[in-house]
């Protein structure tokens, strides 16, 4: 099923999505220790998408100039970027 349909509850229900019920789960999970509420929390989907991570900040060659052998230079001279 396309993700756009699954994000809209009405479209998902129209496409055949069935919401889990206690009666539906107990048909397979017949053990006495089955806790429906705990099982629902375990399989719950997040209601909001996670926040996007910020782009990493990279140090450029100009900020950390290196000599020809890869040794960091202590001089404030900026090296040309190839």
Protein backbone atom coordinates (compact mmCIF):
# COMPACT_ATOMS: atom_id res chain seq x y z
CA UNK A 1 0.00 0.00 0.00
CA UNK A 2 1.40 3.45 -0.82
CA UNK A 3 2.60 5.48 2.17
CA UNK A 4 0.28 8.39 1.31
CA UNK A 5 -2.75 6.13 1.82
CA UNK A 6 -1.41 4.84 5.13
CA UNK A 7 -0.86 8.38 6.45
CA UNK A 8 -4.54 9.26 5.96
CA UNK A 9 -6.72 7.18 8.34
CA UNK A 10 -9.84 7.41 6.17
CA UNK A 11 -8.03 6.35 3.01
CA UNK A 12 -6.31 3.52 4.86
CA UNK A 13 -9.62 2.22 6.22
CA UNK A 14 -11.15 2.45 2.73
CA UNK A 15 -8.19 0.44 1.36
CA UNK A 16 -8.78 -2.36 3.88
CA UNK A 17 -6.90 -1.39 7.05
CA UNK A 18 -8.46 -3.04 10.10
CA UNK A 19 -7.88 -1.61 13.54
CA UNK A 20 -6.80 -4.24 16.09
CA UNK A 21 -9.38 -5.21 18.70
CA UNK A 22 -9.14 -7.28 21.84
CA UNK A 23 -11.41 -9.95 20.33
CA UNK A 24 -9.31 -10.14 17.18
CA UNK A 25 -6.05 -10.56 19.10
CA UNK A 26 -7.39 -13.15 21.54
CA UNK A 27 -8.29 -15.48 18.66
CA UNK A 28 -4.56 -16.21 18.23
CA UNK A 29 -3.13 -15.17 21.62
CA UNK A 30 -5.13 -17.53 23.81
CA UNK A 31 -2.69 -17.65 26.72
CA UNK A 32 -3.97 -16.27 30.04
CA UNK A 33 -0.95 -13.99 30.48
CA UNK A 34 -1.75 -12.00 27.30
CA UNK A 35 -2.12 -8.30 28.15
CA UNK A 36 -3.89 -6.50 25.31
CA UNK A 37 -3.05 -2.97 26.56
CA UNK A 38 0.67 -3.76 26.88
CA UNK A 39 0.67 -5.38 23.43
CA UNK A 40 -0.95 -2.29 21.88
CA UNK A 41 1.72 -0.05 23.41
CA UNK A 42 4.42 -2.37 22.07
CA UNK A 43 3.17 -2.23 18.46
CA UNK A 44 2.07 1.44 18.45
CA UNK A 45 3.36 3.59 15.61
CA UNK A 46 4.68 7.10 16.28
CA UNK A 47 2.06 9.75 15.67
CA UNK A 48 4.57 12.37 14.57
CA UNK A 49 7.61 11.88 12.33
CA UNK A 50 10.96 12.25 14.12
CA UNK A 51 12.66 15.64 14.00
CA UNK A 52 15.24 16.00 11.27
CA UNK A 53 18.81 16.05 12.50
CA UNK A 54 20.82 19.15 11.81
CA UNK A 55 23.44 18.95 9.11
CA UNK A 56 26.87 18.17 10.56
CA UNK A 57 29.34 21.02 10.76
CA UNK A 58 32.57 20.09 9.05
CA UNK A 59 35.88 21.82 9.58
CA UNK A 60 37.23 22.97 6.27
CA UNK A 61 40.83 23.01 5.19
CA UNK A 62 40.81 26.75 5.74
CA UNK A 63 39.90 26.34 9.40
CA UNK A 64 42.49 23.59 10.01
CA UNK A 65 45.38 24.12 7.59
CA UNK A 66 47.68 21.14 7.21
CA UNK A 67 51.18 20.88 5.88
CA UNK A 68 52.31 18.55 3.07
CA UNK A 69 52.71 15.59 5.47
CA UNK A 70 49.25 16.04 7.01
CA UNK A 71 50.65 17.72 10.13
CA UNK A 72 48.55 20.57 11.46
CA UNK A 73 50.14 23.91 10.86
CA UNK A 74 50.14 26.52 13.60
CA UNK A 75 50.39 29.40 11.15
CA UNK A 76 47.22 31.34 10.32
CA UNK A 77 47.89 30.97 6.58
CA UNK A 78 44.92 29.65 4.60
CA UNK A 79 45.71 26.89 2.15
CA UNK A 80 44.17 26.96 -1.32
CA UNK A 81 41.34 24.52 -1.84
CA UNK A 82 42.07 22.33 -4.85
